Amino acid sequence: MLIFCLMKRYALALDLYDDPALIAEYEAYHRAVWPEILKSIRSAGIRNMEIYRLANRLFMIMEVSDGFSFEAKAAADTANAKVQEWEQLMWRYQQAIPGGKEGEKWRLMERIFSLGE
């Protein structure tokens, strides 16, 4: 008997500064993400996360548990000194996509097509 578990999926976008050296540094950090950051991601209910890059545009896919909440994740991140240190470091490489709120990094994307539906 096969049991399928459907998880909610989110897609988000963010830009990096268009500088090859900075992009290379950013990718190096993501090949060795700090253990505390991985723990905070998993404890928030994020079951899978992938980040793709095209030039300086990043695209993230997150698959989350039923109990996941962006608001709860943000509150936990604010209270976690190591996450705050990581986020400050990442701002060296990241730039907000135009049209977002002040300080907003990753922007939630709207799904406009699904082959499965």
Protein backbone atom coordinates (compact mmCIF):
# COMPACT_ATOMS: atom_id res chain seq x y z
CA MET A 1 0.00 0.00 0.00
CA LEU A 2 1.40 3.38 -0.99
CA ILE A 3 0.59 6.45 1.06
CA PHE A 4 1.16 9.81 -0.53
CA CYS A 5 1.75 12.87 1.58
CA LEU A 6 1.08 16.12 -0.21
CA MET A 7 3.10 19.00 1.13
CA LYS A 8 2.48 22.63 0.47
CA ARG A 9 5.07 24.15 -1.86
CA TYR A 10 6.18 27.77 -2.09
CA ALA A 11 8.32 29.46 -4.73
CA LEU A 12 10.28 32.59 -3.89
CA ALA A 13 12.67 34.88 -5.77
CA LEU A 14 15.55 37.13 -4.81
CA ASP A 15 18.33 38.93 -6.65
CA LEU A 16 22.03 38.92 -5.90
CA TYR A 17 24.30 41.83 -6.69
CA ASP A 18 25.48 41.28 -10.24
CA ASP A 19 29.12 40.73 -9.31
CA PRO A 20 30.76 37.39 -10.23
CA ALA A 21 33.05 37.42 -7.17
CA LEU A 22 30.18 38.07 -4.77
CA ILE A 23 28.03 35.42 -6.46
CA ALA A 24 30.87 32.90 -6.10
CA GLU A 25 31.17 33.71 -2.38
CA TYR A 26 27.41 33.37 -1.92
CA GLU A 27 27.42 29.96 -3.58
CA ALA A 28 30.38 28.87 -1.42
CA TYR A 29 28.41 29.72 1.73
CA HIS A 30 25.51 27.65 0.41
CA ARG A 31 27.74 24.63 -0.17
CA ALA A 32 28.51 24.71 3.57
CA VAL A 33 25.46 26.20 5.28
CA TRP A 34 25.99 26.58 9.01
CA PRO A 35 24.45 23.73 11.04
CA GLU A 36 22.43 26.20 13.14
CA ILE A 37 20.81 27.55 9.99
CA LEU A 38 19.89 24.07 8.76
CA LYS A 39 18.43 23.30 12.18
CA SER A 40 16.32 26.48 12.16
CA ILE A 41 15.01 25.68 8.67
CA ARG A 42 14.03 22.14 9.62
CA SER A 43 12.52 23.10 12.97
CA ALA A 44 10.25 25.61 11.21
CA GLY A 45 8.61 22.76 9.31
CA ILE A 46 10.48 23.15 6.04
CA ARG A 47 10.91 19.62 4.73
CA ASN A 48 12.79 20.40 1.55
CA MET A 49 14.40 23.52 0.13
CA GLU A 50 16.18 24.06 -3.17
CA ILE A 51 17.73 27.24 -4.55
CA TYR A 52 18.46 27.74 -8.24
CA ARG A 53 20.37 30.59 -9.88
CA LEU A 54 20.21 32.20 -13.31
CA ALA A 55 22.73 35.05 -13.61
CA ASN A 56 21.99 37.09 -10.47
CA ARG A 57 18.37 35.91 -9.99
CA LEU A 58 17.69 33.23 -7.37
CA PHE A 59 14.65 30.97 -7.28
CA MET A 60 13.80 28.97 -4.14
CA ILE A 61 11.37 26.09 -3.82
CA MET A 62 10.25 25.16 -0.30
CA GLU A 63 8.14 22.16 0.60
CA VAL A 64 6.67 22.57 4.07
CA SER A 65 4.70 20.64 6.66
CA ASP A 66 1.06 21.44 7.40
CA GLY A 67 2.04 23.45 10.47
CA PHE A 68 4.46 25.76 8.64
CA SER A 69 3.91 29.51 8.95
CA PHE A 70 5.99 32.32 7.48
CA GLU A 71 5.08 34.44 10.52
CA ALA A 72 6.23 31.77 13.02
CA LYS A 73 9.45 31.25 11.03
CA ALA A 74 10.13 35.01 11.05
CA ALA A 75 9.52 35.23 14.81
CA ALA A 76 11.83 32.28 15.50
CA ASP A 77 14.50 33.78 13.23
CA THR A 78 14.30 37.14 15.01
CA ALA A 79 14.91 35.39 18.34
CA ASN A 80 17.85 33.32 17.03
CA ALA A 81 21.19 35.17 17.18
CA LYS A 82 22.93 32.75 14.79
CA VAL A 83 20.17 33.15 12.19
CA GLN A 84 20.45 36.93 12.54
CA GLU A 85 24.22 36.69 12.02
CA TRP A 86 23.67 34.58 8.87
CA GLU A 87 21.03 36.97 7.52
CA GLN A 88 23.30 40.00 8.05
CA LEU A 89 26.08 38.17 6.22
CA MET A 90 23.78 37.22 3.32
CA TRP A 91 22.67 40.86 2.87
CA ARG A 92 26.21 41.49 1.63
CA TYR A 93 25.29 39.48 -1.47
CA GLN A 94 21.54 39.99 -1.77
CA GLN A 95 19.49 42.85 -3.09
CA ALA A 96 15.75 43.19 -2.84
CA ILE A 97 13.67 42.75 -5.94
CA PRO A 98 12.05 46.09 -6.85
CA GLY A 99 8.51 46.54 -5.56
CA GLY A 100 8.98 44.77 -2.23
CA LYS A 101 8.55 46.10 1.27
CA GLU A 102 11.45 47.74 3.09
CA GLY A 103 13.94 45.06 4.17
CA GLU A 104 12.07 42.29 2.34
CA LYS A 105 14.41 39.69 0.90
CA TRP A 106 12.80 36.65 -0.64
CA ARG A 107 9.57 37.50 -2.47
CA LEU A 108 6.78 34.96 -2.66
CA MET A 109 5.92 34.08 -6.25
CA GLU A 110 2.44 33.35 -7.55
CA ARG A 111 1.92 30.06 -9.37
CA ILE A 112 0.30 30.73 -12.75
CA PHE A 113 0.44 27.22 -14.26
CA SER A 114 0.47 23.61 -13.10
CA LEU A 115 0.61 20.67 -15.50
CA GLY A 116 -0.89 18.45 -12.81
CA GLU A 117 -4.16 20.36 -12.54
